[in-house]
PDB file of N, CA and C in Angstrom:
ATOM      1  N   MET A   1       7.964   3.099  10.675  1.00  0.00           N
ATOM      2  CA  MET A   1       6.144   4.398  10.091  1.00  0.00           C
ATOM      3  C   MET A   1       6.739   4.871   9.257  1.00  0.00           C
ATOM      4  N   LEU A   2       6.036   5.162   7.934  1.00  0.00           N
ATOM      5  CA  LEU A   2       6.025   5.461   6.798  1.00  0.00           C
ATOM      6  C   LEU A   2       5.943   7.368   6.767  1.00  0.00           C
ATOM      7  N   PRO A   3       7.046   8.600   7.047  1.00  0.00           N
ATOM      8  CA  PRO A   3       6.256   9.762   6.846  1.00  0.00           C
ATOM      9  C   PRO A   3       4.821   9.954   6.319  1.00  0.00           C
ATOM     10  N   SER A   4       4.811  11.431   7.372  1.00  0.00           N
ATOM     11  CA  SER A   4       3.524  11.504   7.074  1.00  0.00           C
ATOM     12  C   SER A   4       4.001  11.917   5.573  1.00  0.00           C
ATOM     13  N   LYS A   5       4.786  13.248   4.972  1.00  0.00           N
ATOM     14  CA  LYS A   5       4.973  13.513   4.458  1.00  0.00           C
ATOM     15  C   LYS A   5       4.629  12.690   2.627  1.00  0.00           C
ATOM     16  N   ASN A   6       5.431  10.809   3.210  1.00  0.00           N
ATOM     17  CA  ASN A   6       4.717  10.185   1.670  1.00  0.00           C
ATOM     18  C   ASN A   6       2.735   9.693   1.807  1.00  0.00           C
ATOM     19  N   ARG A   7       2.932  10.260   3.300  1.00  0.00           N
ATOM     20  CA  ARG A   7       1.281   9.338   3.149  1.00  0.00           C
ATOM     21  C   ARG A   7      -0.027  10.137   2.079  1.00  0.00           C
ATOM     22  N   ILE A   8      -0.504   9.504   1.562  1.00  0.00           N
ATOM     23  CA  ILE A   8      -1.642  10.367   1.034  1.00  0.00           C
ATOM     24  C   ILE A   8      -2.506  11.141   1.594  1.00  0.00           C
ATOM     25  N   SER A   9      -2.803  12.808   1.068  1.00  0.00           N
ATOM     26  CA  SER A   9      -3.715  13.387   1.747  1.00  0.00           C
ATOM     27  C   SER A   9      -4.965  13.131   0.677  1.00  0.00           C
ATOM     28  N   ARG A  10      -5.846  13.267   1.490  1.00  0.00           N
ATOM     29  CA  ARG A  10      -7.628  13.165   1.460  1.00  0.00           C
ATOM     30  C   ARG A  10      -7.826  14.264  -0.177  1.00  0.00           C
ATOM     31  N   LYS A  11      -7.109  15.483  -0.454  1.00  0.00           N
ATOM     32  CA  LYS A  11      -7.453  16.026  -1.499  1.00  0.00           C
ATOM     33  C   LYS A  11      -6.825  15.428  -2.119  1.00  0.00           C
ATOM     34  N   ASP A  12      -5.762  14.399  -2.511  1.00  0.00           N
ATOM     35  CA  ASP A  12      -4.496  14.444  -3.598  1.00  0.00           C
ATOM     36  C   ASP A  12      -4.766  12.247  -3.640  1.00  0.00           C
ATOM     37  N   PHE A  13      -5.874  11.948  -2.457  1.00  0.00           N
ATOM     38  CA  PHE A  13      -5.751  10.353  -3.404  1.00  0.00           C
ATOM     39  C   PHE A  13      -6.720  10.327  -4.542  1.00  0.00           C
ATOM     40  N   PRO A  14      -6.466   9.569  -5.493  1.00  0.00           N
ATOM     41  CA  PRO A  14      -6.236   9.425  -7.009  1.00  0.00           C
ATOM     42  C   PRO A  14      -7.374   8.682  -6.789  1.00  0.00           C
ATOM     43  N   THR A  15      -7.762   9.685  -7.611  1.00  0.00           N
ATOM     44  CA  THR A  15     -10.042   9.368  -8.528  1.00  0.00           C
ATOM     45  C   THR A  15     -10.668   8.218  -8.754  1.00  0.00           C
ATOM     46  N   HIS A  16     -10.969   8.284  -9.590  1.00  0.00           N
ATOM     47  CA  HIS A  16     -11.993   6.328 -10.072  1.00  0.00           C
ATOM     48  C   HIS A  16     -11.094   7.112 -11.753  1.00  0.00           C
ATOM     49  N   LYS A  17     -11.769   8.260 -11.961  1.00  0.00           N
ATOM     50  CA  LYS A  17     -10.765   8.744 -13.303  1.00  0.00           C
ATOM     51  C   LYS A  17      -9.363   8.378 -13.505  1.00  0.00           C
ATOM     52  N   ASP A  18      -8.488   8.573 -12.438  1.00  0.00           N
ATOM     53  CA  ASP A  18      -7.053   7.865 -13.008  1.00  0.00           C
ATOM     54  C   ASP A  18      -6.515   6.927 -13.643  1.00  0.00           C
ATOM     55  N   ARG A  19      -5.625   5.357 -14.317  1.00  0.00           N
ATOM     56  CA  ARG A  19      -5.750   5.315 -14.535  1.00  0.00           C
ATOM     57  C   ARG A  19      -4.433   4.608 -14.566  1.00  0.00           C
ATOM     58  N   GLY A  20      -4.272   3.315 -13.003  1.00  0.00           N
ATOM     59  CA  GLY A  20      -2.482   2.749 -12.606  1.00  0.00           C
ATOM     60  C   GLY A  20      -3.033   1.427 -12.895  1.00  0.00           C
ATOM     61  N   ASN A  21      -1.846   1.224 -12.464  1.00  0.00           N
ATOM     62  CA  ASN A  21      -1.610  -0.229 -12.314  1.00  0.00           C
ATOM     63  C   ASN A  21      -1.578  -0.914 -11.157  1.00  0.00           C
ATOM     64  N   ARG A  22      -2.480  -1.917 -11.789  1.00  0.00           N
ATOM     65  CA  ARG A  22      -3.049  -2.547 -10.681  1.00  0.00           C
ATOM     66  C   ARG A  22      -2.170  -3.888 -10.740  1.00  0.00           C
ATOM     67  N   VAL A  23      -2.185  -4.758  -9.143  1.00  0.00           N
ATOM     68  CA  VAL A  23      -1.588  -5.867  -8.946  1.00  0.00           C
ATOM     69  C   VAL A  23      -2.340  -6.780  -8.099  1.00  0.00           C
ATOM     70  N   PHE A  24      -2.615  -8.149  -7.999  1.00  0.00           N
ATOM     71  CA  PHE A  24      -3.508  -8.464  -7.726  1.00  0.00           C
ATOM     72  C   PHE A  24      -2.557 -10.081  -6.887  1.00  0.00           C
ATOM     73  N   LEU A  25      -2.559 -10.255  -5.813  1.00  0.00           N
ATOM     74  CA  LEU A  25      -2.177 -11.031  -4.849  1.00  0.00           C
ATOM     75  C   LEU A  25      -3.341 -11.846  -3.723  1.00  0.00           C
ATOM     76  N   PRO A  26      -2.065 -12.727  -3.225  1.00  0.00           N
ATOM     77  CA  PRO A  26      -3.542 -13.949  -2.623  1.00  0.00           C
ATOM     78  C   PRO A  26      -3.628 -12.416  -1.365  1.00  0.00           C
ATOM     79  N   LEU A  27      -3.433 -12.143  -1.141  1.00  0.00           N
ATOM     80  CA  LEU A  27      -3.190 -10.417   0.825  1.00  0.00           C
ATOM     81  C   LEU A  27      -3.538  -9.824   0.758  1.00  0.00           C
ATOM     82  N   PHE A  28      -3.572  -9.313  -0.526  1.00  0.00           N
ATOM     83  CA  PHE A  28      -3.920  -7.451  -1.204  1.00  0.00           C
ATOM     84  C   PHE A  28      -4.131  -7.327  -2.924  1.00  0.00           C
ATOM     85  N   THR A  29      -4.547  -6.019  -3.030  1.00  0.00           N
ATOM     86  CA  THR A  29      -4.604  -5.811  -3.985  1.00  0.00           C
ATOM     87  C   THR A  29      -3.737  -4.297  -4.029  1.00  0.00           C
ATOM     88  N   ALA A  30      -3.205  -4.039  -5.047  1.00  0.00           N
ATOM     89  CA  ALA A  30      -2.189  -2.662  -4.747  1.00  0.00           C
ATOM     90  C   ALA A  30      -2.265  -1.790  -5.940  1.00  0.00           C
ATOM     91  N   VAL A  31      -2.496  -0.442  -6.464  1.00  0.00           N
ATOM     92  CA  VAL A  31      -2.278  -0.252  -7.386  1.00  0.00           C
ATOM     93  C   VAL A  31      -1.542   1.072  -7.398  1.00  0.00           C
ATOM     94  N   PHE A  32      -0.322   0.921  -8.794  1.00  0.00           N
ATOM     95  CA  PHE A  32       0.433   2.110  -8.503  1.00  0.00           C
ATOM     96  C   PHE A  32      -0.371   3.180 -10.021  1.00  0.00           C
ATOM     97  N   TYR A  33      -0.064   4.679  -9.429  1.00  0.00           N
ATOM     98  CA  TYR A  33      -0.257   5.856 -10.301  1.00  0.00           C
ATOM     99  C   TYR A  33       1.225   6.097 -10.702  1.00  0.00           C
ATOM    100  N   LYS A  34       1.720   7.377 -11.699  1.00  0.00           N
ATOM    101  CA  LYS A  34       2.450   7.882 -11.412  1.00  0.00           C
ATOM    102  C   LYS A  34       2.321   9.070 -10.977  1.00  0.00           C
ATOM    103  N   GLY A  35       3.909   9.382  -9.793  1.00  0.00           N
ATOM    104  CA  GLY A  35       3.866  10.433  -8.953  1.00  0.00           C
ATOM    105  C   GLY A  35       4.733  11.087  -9.279  1.00  0.00           C
ATOM    106  N   ASN A  36       4.355  12.894  -9.029  1.00  0.00           N
ATOM    107  CA  ASN A  36       4.568  13.834  -8.867  1.00  0.00           C
ATOM    108  C   ASN A  36       6.048  14.218  -8.709  1.00  0.00           C
ATOM    109  N   THR A  37       6.051  14.776  -7.098  1.00  0.00           N
ATOM    110  CA  THR A  37       7.838  15.072  -6.384  1.00  0.00           C
ATOM    111  C   THR A  37       7.984  13.506  -5.984  1.00  0.00           C
ATOM    112  N   ILE A  38       7.683  13.094  -4.572  1.00  0.00           N
ATOM    113  CA  ILE A  38       7.924  12.531  -4.296  1.00  0.00           C
ATOM    114  C   ILE A  38       6.557  11.004  -4.558  1.00  0.00           C
ATOM    115  N   SER A  39       7.648   9.942  -3.664  1.00  0.00           N
ATOM    116  CA  SER A  39       6.893   9.144  -3.153  1.00  0.00           C
ATOM    117  C   SER A  39       5.245   8.914  -2.663  1.00  0.00           C
ATOM    118  N   HIS A  40       4.134   8.437  -2.479  1.00  0.00           N
ATOM    119  CA  HIS A  40       3.221   8.925  -1.552  1.00  0.00           C
ATOM    120  C   HIS A  40       2.569   7.069  -1.316  1.00  0.00           C
ATOM    121  N   ALA A  41       2.262   7.152  -0.250  1.00  0.00           N
ATOM    122  CA  ALA A  41       1.090   5.438  -0.248  1.00  0.00           C
ATOM    123  C   ALA A  41       0.147   5.593   0.558  1.00  0.00           C
ATOM    124  N   SER A  42      -0.847   4.605   0.553  1.00  0.00           N
ATOM    125  CA  SER A  42      -1.917   4.773   1.487  1.00  0.00           C
ATOM    126  C   SER A  42      -2.258   4.026   1.057  1.00  0.00           C
ATOM    127  N   VAL A  43      -3.008   3.300   2.429  1.00  0.00           N
ATOM    128  CA  VAL A  43      -3.657   1.990   3.189  1.00  0.00           C
ATOM    129  C   VAL A  43      -4.307   2.230   3.160  1.00  0.00           C
ATOM    130  N   VAL A  44      -6.082   1.234   2.252  1.00  0.00           N
ATOM    131  CA  VAL A  44      -7.310   1.465   2.448  1.00  0.00           C
ATOM    132  C   VAL A  44      -7.656   0.181   3.240  1.00  0.00           C
ATOM    133  N   VAL A  45      -8.549  -0.135   4.732  1.00  0.00           N
ATOM    134  CA  VAL A  45      -8.870  -1.339   5.035  1.00  0.00           C
ATOM    135  C   VAL A  45     -10.074  -1.205   5.212  1.00  0.00           C
ATOM    136  N   SER A  46     -10.879  -1.329   4.488  1.00  0.00           N
ATOM    137  CA  SER A  46     -12.226  -2.025   4.361  1.00  0.00           C
ATOM    138  C   SER A  46     -13.510  -2.477   5.722  1.00  0.00           C
ATOM    139  N   LYS A  47     -14.385  -1.779   6.310  1.00  0.00           N
ATOM    140  CA  LYS A  47     -15.255  -1.908   7.035  1.00  0.00           C
ATOM    141  C   LYS A  47     -15.552  -3.980   7.105  1.00  0.00           C
ATOM    142  N   LYS A  48     -15.549  -3.953   5.432  1.00  0.00           N
ATOM    143  CA  LYS A  48     -16.207  -6.093   5.212  1.00  0.00           C
ATOM    144  C   LYS A  48     -14.802  -6.461   5.502  1.00  0.00           C
ATOM    145  N   THR A  49     -13.916  -6.038   5.849  1.00  0.00           N
ATOM    146  CA  THR A  49     -11.963  -6.328   5.807  1.00  0.00           C
ATOM    147  C   THR A  49     -12.135  -6.764   7.006  1.00  0.00           C
ATOM    148  N   ALA A  50     -12.261  -5.579   7.723  1.00  0.00           N
ATOM    149  CA  ALA A  50     -11.843  -5.771   9.541  1.00  0.00           C
ATOM    150  C   ALA A  50     -12.753  -4.309  10.030  1.00  0.00           C
ATOM    151  N   LYS A  51     -14.052  -5.351  11.189  1.00  0.00           N
ATOM    152  CA  LYS A  51     -15.232  -4.771  11.118  1.00  0.00           C
ATOM    153  C   LYS A  51     -14.695  -3.265  12.639  1.00  0.00           C
ATOM    154  N   THR A  52     -13.643  -4.004  13.170  1.00  0.00           N
ATOM    155  CA  THR A  52     -13.547  -3.014  13.657  1.00  0.00           C
ATOM    156  C   THR A  52     -11.958  -1.514  13.729  1.00  0.00           C
ATOM    157  N   ALA A  53     -12.262  -0.776  14.268  1.00  0.00           N
ATOM    158  CA  ALA A  53     -11.234  -0.029  13.839  1.00  0.00           C
ATOM    159  C   ALA A  53      -9.712  -0.570  14.152  1.00  0.00           C
ATOM    160  N   VAL A  54      -9.934  -0.491  15.558  1.00  0.00           N
ATOM    161  CA  VAL A  54      -8.602  -1.028  16.035  1.00  0.00           C
ATOM    162  C   VAL A  54      -7.956  -2.246  15.025  1.00  0.00           C
ATOM    163  N   VAL A  55      -8.505  -2.721  14.468  1.00  0.00           N
ATOM    164  CA  VAL A  55      -8.286  -3.783  13.818  1.00  0.00           C
ATOM    165  C   VAL A  55      -7.519  -3.072  12.922  1.00  0.00           C
ATOM    166  N   ARG A  56      -8.231  -2.294  12.117  1.00  0.00           N
ATOM    167  CA  ARG A  56      -8.584  -1.570  11.144  1.00  0.00           C
ATOM    168  C   ARG A  56      -6.761  -0.720  10.888  1.00  0.00           C
ATOM    169  N   ASN A  57      -6.657  -0.218  12.030  1.00  0.00           N
ATOM    170  CA  ASN A  57      -5.696   0.571  12.291  1.00  0.00           C
ATOM    171  C   ASN A  57      -4.731   0.258  12.629  1.00  0.00           C
ATOM    172  N   LYS A  58      -4.037  -1.398  13.203  1.00  0.00           N
ATOM    173  CA  LYS A  58      -3.835  -2.400  13.066  1.00  0.00           C
ATOM    174  C   LYS A  58      -3.186  -2.185  11.300  1.00  0.00           C
ATOM    175  N   GLN A  59      -4.117  -2.995  11.103  1.00  0.00           N
ATOM    176  CA  GLN A  59      -3.194  -3.654   9.446  1.00  0.00           C
ATOM    177  C   GLN A  59      -2.498  -2.104   9.094  1.00  0.00           C
ATOM    178  N   ARG A  60      -3.867  -1.225   9.438  1.00  0.00           N
ATOM    179  CA  ARG A  60      -2.265   0.374   8.178  1.00  0.00           C
ATOM    180  C   ARG A  60      -1.522  -0.157   8.516  1.00  0.00           C
ATOM    181  N   ARG A  61      -1.538   0.770   9.987  1.00  0.00           N
ATOM    182  CA  ARG A  61      -0.060   0.568  10.871  1.00  0.00           C
ATOM    183  C   ARG A  61       0.950  -0.763   9.973  1.00  0.00           C
ATOM    184  N   ARG A  62       0.558  -1.583  10.274  1.00  0.00           N
ATOM    185  CA  ARG A  62       1.552  -2.954   9.758  1.00  0.00           C
ATOM    186  C   ARG A  62       2.017  -2.688   8.111  1.00  0.00           C
ATOM    187  N   PHE A  63       1.417  -2.651   6.983  1.00  0.00           N
ATOM    188  CA  PHE A  63       1.761  -2.119   5.391  1.00  0.00           C
ATOM    189  C   PHE A  63       2.192  -1.295   5.479  1.00  0.00           C
ATOM    190  N   TYR A  64       2.184   0.182   6.369  1.00  0.00           N
ATOM    191  CA  TYR A  64       2.681   1.392   6.885  1.00  0.00           C
ATOM    192  C   TYR A  64       4.871   1.097   7.097  1.00  0.00           C
ATOM    193  N   GLU A  65       4.893   0.267   7.574  1.00  0.00           N
ATOM    194  CA  GLU A  65       5.512  -0.603   8.411  1.00  0.00           C
ATOM    195  C   GLU A  65       6.353  -0.641   7.411  1.00  0.00           C
ATOM    196  N   LEU A  66       5.720  -1.776   6.797  1.00  0.00           N
ATOM    197  CA  LEU A  66       6.569  -2.564   5.822  1.00  0.00           C
ATOM    198  C   LEU A  66       7.183  -1.657   4.228  1.00  0.00           C
ATOM    199  N   LEU A  67       6.170  -0.720   4.306  1.00  0.00           N
ATOM    200  CA  LEU A  67       6.696   0.056   2.598  1.00  0.00           C
ATOM    201  C   LEU A  67       7.483   0.696   2.491  1.00  0.00           C
ATOM    202  N   GLU A  68       8.083   1.375   3.703  1.00  0.00           N
ATOM    203  CA  GLU A  68       9.070   2.260   4.710  1.00  0.00           C
ATOM    204  C   GLU A  68      10.937   1.679   3.752  1.00  0.00           C
ATOM    205  N   PRO A  69      11.204   0.921   4.107  1.00  0.00           N
ATOM    206  CA  PRO A  69      12.241   0.543   3.446  1.00  0.00           C
ATOM    207  C   PRO A  69      12.095   0.523   1.914  1.00  0.00           C
ATOM    208  N   TYR A  70      11.103   0.076   1.484  1.00  0.00           N
ATOM    209  CA  TYR A  70      11.050   0.495  -0.306  1.00  0.00           C
ATOM    210  C   TYR A  70      11.735   1.349  -0.691  1.00  0.00           C
ATOM    211  N   PHE A  71      10.531   2.626   0.328  1.00  0.00           N
ATOM    212  CA  PHE A  71      10.253   4.542  -0.319  1.00  0.00           C
ATOM    213  C   PHE A  71      11.680   4.247   0.006  1.00  0.00           C
ATOM    214  N   ARG A  72      12.889   3.742   0.354  1.00  0.00           N
ATOM    215  CA  ARG A  72      14.159   5.038  -0.044  1.00  0.00           C
ATOM    216  C   ARG A  72      15.227   4.051  -1.200  1.00  0.00           C
ATOM    217  N   ILE A  73      14.321   3.259  -1.518  1.00  0.00           N
ATOM    218  CA  ILE A  73      14.772   2.099  -2.940  1.00  0.00           C
ATOM    219  C   ILE A  73      14.118   3.136  -4.108  1.00  0.00           C
ATOM    220  N   ILE A  74      12.959   3.344  -4.833  1.00  0.00           N
ATOM    221  CA  ILE A  74      12.148   3.040  -5.439  1.00  0.00           C
ATOM    222  C   ILE A  74      12.459   4.318  -7.075  1.00  0.00           C
ATOM    223  N   LYS A  75      12.488   3.726  -7.575  1.00  0.00           N
ATOM    224  CA  LYS A  75      13.620   4.379  -8.594  1.00  0.00           C
ATOM    225  C   LYS A  75      12.804   6.213  -9.118  1.00  0.00           C
ATOM    226  N   ALA A  76      12.018   6.012  -9.485  1.00  0.00           N
ATOM    227  CA  ALA A  76      11.054   7.000 -10.126  1.00  0.00           C
ATOM    228  C   ALA A  76       9.952   7.736  -8.791  1.00  0.00           C
ATOM    229  N   PRO A  77       9.393   8.606  -8.704  1.00  0.00           N
ATOM    230  CA  PRO A  77       8.669   9.241  -7.211  1.00  0.00           C
ATOM    231  C   PRO A  77       6.810   8.386  -8.235  1.00  0.00           C
ATOM    232  N   ILE A  78       6.159   7.286  -7.021  1.00  0.00           N
ATOM    233  CA  ILE A  78       4.934   6.747  -7.911  1.00  0.00           C
ATOM    234  C   ILE A  78       3.895   7.029  -6.593  1.00  0.00           C
ATOM    235  N   THR A  79       2.853   6.861  -6.711  1.00  0.00           N
ATOM    236  CA  THR A  79       1.544   6.527  -6.063  1.00  0.00           C
ATOM    237  C   THR A  79       0.986   5.014  -5.611  1.00  0.00           C
ATOM    238  N   VAL A  80       1.076   4.866  -4.409  1.00  0.00           N
ATOM    239  CA  VAL A  80       0.715   3.117  -4.174  1.00  0.00           C
ATOM    240  C   VAL A  80      -0.627   3.638  -3.330  1.00  0.00           C
ATOM    241  N   VAL A  81      -1.626   2.823  -3.700  1.00  0.00           N
ATOM    242  CA  VAL A  81      -2.422   2.696  -3.093  1.00  0.00           C
ATOM    243  C   VAL A  81      -3.006   1.050  -2.467  1.00  0.00           C
ATOM    244  N   ILE A  82      -3.015   0.643  -1.386  1.00  0.00           N
ATOM    245  CA  ILE A  82      -3.062  -0.997  -1.273  1.00  0.00           C
ATOM    246  C   ILE A  82      -3.957  -1.227  -0.832  1.00  0.00           C
ATOM    247  N   TYR A  83      -4.501  -1.824  -1.171  1.00  0.00           N
ATOM    248  CA  TYR A  83      -6.527  -2.851  -0.382  1.00  0.00           C
ATOM    249  C   TYR A  83      -6.652  -4.064   0.277  1.00  0.00           C
ATOM    250  N   PRO A  84      -5.619  -3.718   1.368  1.00  0.00           N
ATOM    251  CA  PRO A  84      -5.792  -5.356   2.580  1.00  0.00           C
ATOM    252  C   PRO A  84      -7.151  -6.489   2.225  1.00  0.00           C
ATOM    253  N   LYS A  85      -6.307  -8.177   2.126  1.00  0.00           N
ATOM    254  CA  LYS A  85      -8.041  -8.973   2.029  1.00  0.00           C
ATOM    255  C   LYS A  85      -7.639  -9.199   3.849  1.00  0.00           C
ATOM    256  N   ALA A  86      -9.334 -10.231   3.692  1.00  0.00           N
ATOM    257  CA  ALA A  86      -9.619 -10.859   5.502  1.00  0.00           C
ATOM    258  C   ALA A  86      -8.348 -11.161   5.153  1.00  0.00           C
ATOM    259  N   ASP A  87      -7.305 -11.976   4.358  1.00  0.00           N
ATOM    260  CA  ASP A  87      -6.945 -13.484   4.629  1.00  0.00           C
ATOM    261  C   ASP A  87      -5.320 -12.371   5.119  1.00  0.00           C
ATOM    262  N   ALA A  88      -5.200 -11.433   4.792  1.00  0.00           N
ATOM    263  CA  ALA A  88      -3.716 -10.197   5.100  1.00  0.00           C
ATOM    264  C   ALA A  88      -3.727 -10.333   7.209  1.00  0.00           C
ATOM    265  N   LEU A  89      -5.275 -10.675   7.549  1.00  0.00           N
ATOM    266  CA  LEU A  89      -5.023 -10.462   9.022  1.00  0.00           C
ATOM    267  C   LEU A  89      -4.416 -10.931  10.080  1.00  0.00           C
ATOM    268  N   LYS A  90      -4.918 -12.836   8.891  1.00  0.00           N
ATOM    269  CA  LYS A  90      -3.980 -13.411  10.351  1.00  0.00           C
ATOM    270  C   LYS A  90      -2.944 -13.548   9.293  1.00  0.00           C
ATOM    271  N   ALA A  91      -2.108 -12.897   8.604  1.00  0.00           N
ATOM    272  CA  ALA A  91      -0.503 -13.586   7.275  1.00  0.00           C
ATOM    273  C   ALA A  91       0.951 -12.747   8.337  1.00  0.00           C
ATOM    274  N   SER A  92       1.603 -13.468   8.412  1.00  0.00           N
ATOM    275  CA  SER A  92       2.597 -12.978   9.381  1.00  0.00           C
ATOM    276  C   SER A  92       3.814 -11.551   9.069  1.00  0.00           C
ATOM    277  N   PHE A  93       3.903 -10.869   9.307  1.00  0.00           N
ATOM    278  CA  PHE A  93       4.976  -9.822   8.867  1.00  0.00           C
ATOM    279  C   PHE A  93       6.221 -10.680   7.421  1.00  0.00           C
ATOM    280  N   SER A  94       6.445 -11.135   7.969  1.00  0.00           N
ATOM    281  CA  SER A  94       7.534 -11.414   6.697  1.00  0.00           C
ATOM    282  C   SER A  94       6.741 -11.665   5.560  1.00  0.00           C
ATOM    283  N   VAL A  95       5.790 -12.852   5.559  1.00  0.00           N
ATOM    284  CA  VAL A  95       5.008 -12.914   4.510  1.00  0.00           C
ATOM    285  C   VAL A  95       4.277 -12.324   3.906  1.00  0.00           C
ATOM    286  N   LEU A  96       3.938 -11.256   4.858  1.00  0.00           N
ATOM    287  CA  LEU A  96       3.306  -9.739   4.728  1.00  0.00           C
ATOM    288  C   LEU A  96       4.591  -9.632   3.082  1.00  0.00           C
ATOM    289  N   ASN A  97       5.717  -9.295   4.246  1.00  0.00           N
ATOM    290  CA  ASN A  97       7.001  -8.661   3.483  1.00  0.00           C
ATOM    291  C   ASN A  97       7.815  -8.779   2.471  1.00  0.00           C
ATOM    292  N   ILE A  98       7.439 -10.485   1.987  1.00  0.00           N
ATOM    293  CA  ILE A  98       7.525 -10.535   0.650  1.00  0.00           C
ATOM    294  C   ILE A  98       6.463 -10.884  -0.740  1.00  0.00           C
ATOM    295  N   GLU A  99       5.283 -10.369   0.087  1.00  0.00           N
ATOM    296  CA  GLU A  99       4.739 -10.698  -0.872  1.00  0.00           C
ATOM    297  C   GLU A  99       4.173  -8.510  -1.116  1.00  0.00           C
ATOM    298  N   ILE A 100       4.407  -8.207  -1.022  1.00  0.00           N
ATOM    299  CA  ILE A 100       4.859  -5.935  -0.722  1.00  0.00           C
ATOM    300  C   ILE A 100       6.142  -6.232  -1.758  1.00  0.00           C
ATOM    301  N   GLU A 101       6.802  -7.041  -1.657  1.00  0.00           N
ATOM    302  CA  GLU A 101       8.303  -7.361  -2.339  1.00  0.00           C
ATOM    303  C   GLU A 101       8.172  -7.496  -4.020  1.00  0.00           C
ATOM    304  N   LYS A 102       7.129  -8.094  -3.260  1.00  0.00           N
ATOM    305  CA  LYS A 102       6.593  -9.526  -5.208  1.00  0.00           C
ATOM    306  C   LYS A 102       5.570  -8.658  -5.811  1.00  0.00           C
ATOM    307  N   ALA A 103       5.016  -7.541  -5.470  1.00  0.00           N
ATOM    308  CA  ALA A 103       3.789  -6.489  -6.314  1.00  0.00           C
ATOM    309  C   ALA A 103       4.411  -5.276  -6.318  1.00  0.00           C
ATOM    310  N   LEU A 104       5.854  -4.635  -5.891  1.00  0.00           N
ATOM    311  CA  LEU A 104       7.030  -4.115  -6.175  1.00  0.00           C
ATOM    312  C   LEU A 104       7.943  -3.775  -7.995  1.00  0.00           C
ATOM    313  N   LYS A 105       8.506  -5.310  -7.204  1.00  0.00           N
ATOM    314  CA  LYS A 105       8.926  -6.139  -8.174  1.00  0.00           C
ATOM    315  C   LYS A 105       8.270  -5.963  -9.674  1.00  0.00           C
ATOM    316  N   GLN A 106       6.796  -7.410  -9.297  1.00  0.00           N
ATOM    317  CA  GLN A 106       5.911  -7.086 -10.487  1.00  0.00           C
ATOM    318  C   GLN A 106       5.238  -5.806 -11.476  1.00  0.00           C
ATOM    319  N   ALA A 107       5.453  -4.530 -10.708  1.00  0.00           N
ATOM    320  CA  ALA A 107       5.180  -3.554 -11.100  1.00  0.00           C
ATOM    321  C   ALA A 107       5.532  -3.104 -11.438  1.00  0.00           C
ATOM    322  N   LYS A 108       7.146  -2.696 -11.963  1.00  0.00           N
ATOM    323  CA  LYS A 108       8.263  -2.805 -12.059  1.00  0.00           C
ATOM    324  C   LYS A 108       9.576  -1.277 -11.252  1.00  0.00           C
ATOM    325  N   VAL A 109       8.511  -1.474 -10.246  1.00  0.00           N
ATOM    326  CA  VAL A 109       9.066  -0.022  -9.845  1.00  0.00           C
ATOM    327  C   VAL A 109      10.456  -0.160  -8.742  1.00  0.00           C
ATOM    328  N   ILE A 110      10.075  -1.681  -8.237  1.00  0.00           N
ATOM    329  CA  ILE A 110      11.526  -1.225  -7.696  1.00  0.00           C
ATOM    330  C   ILE A 110      13.288  -2.594  -8.841  1.00  0.00           C
TER     331      ILE A 110
END
C-alpha cells in the first residue's frame, strides 16, 4: 500500500485549472502533474464505475499497491491522479501492473 505521505490530501488535490499530461489507456486514464517536493498519487473511482463503496475501495487499494514500487524509482517529484474504468474491475493484477508501467513510460516519468 502506498504510504499516506505519498497520497494526495483533499486540500492539495489538483484543480481543473491545473494542466497535466494525460495518458489514456483501455483500463484507466492517468493525469500527471509536476510535483513540489515529493511524489503524490490519488485514485478516483466514480460511482458510475463501481456502484458499492466496497468495490470502489478495493479498486483504490489495488492501484495504490501497484503504484508503490514505481514511486521508489521515479526521477522527479510528480503528482499522479488515476481514474479507473469499469474494465479495470475485471482485470488481473498482472495486467494492471503492465498498464501502469506503460502509462508511466508514456508520460516519461520512469
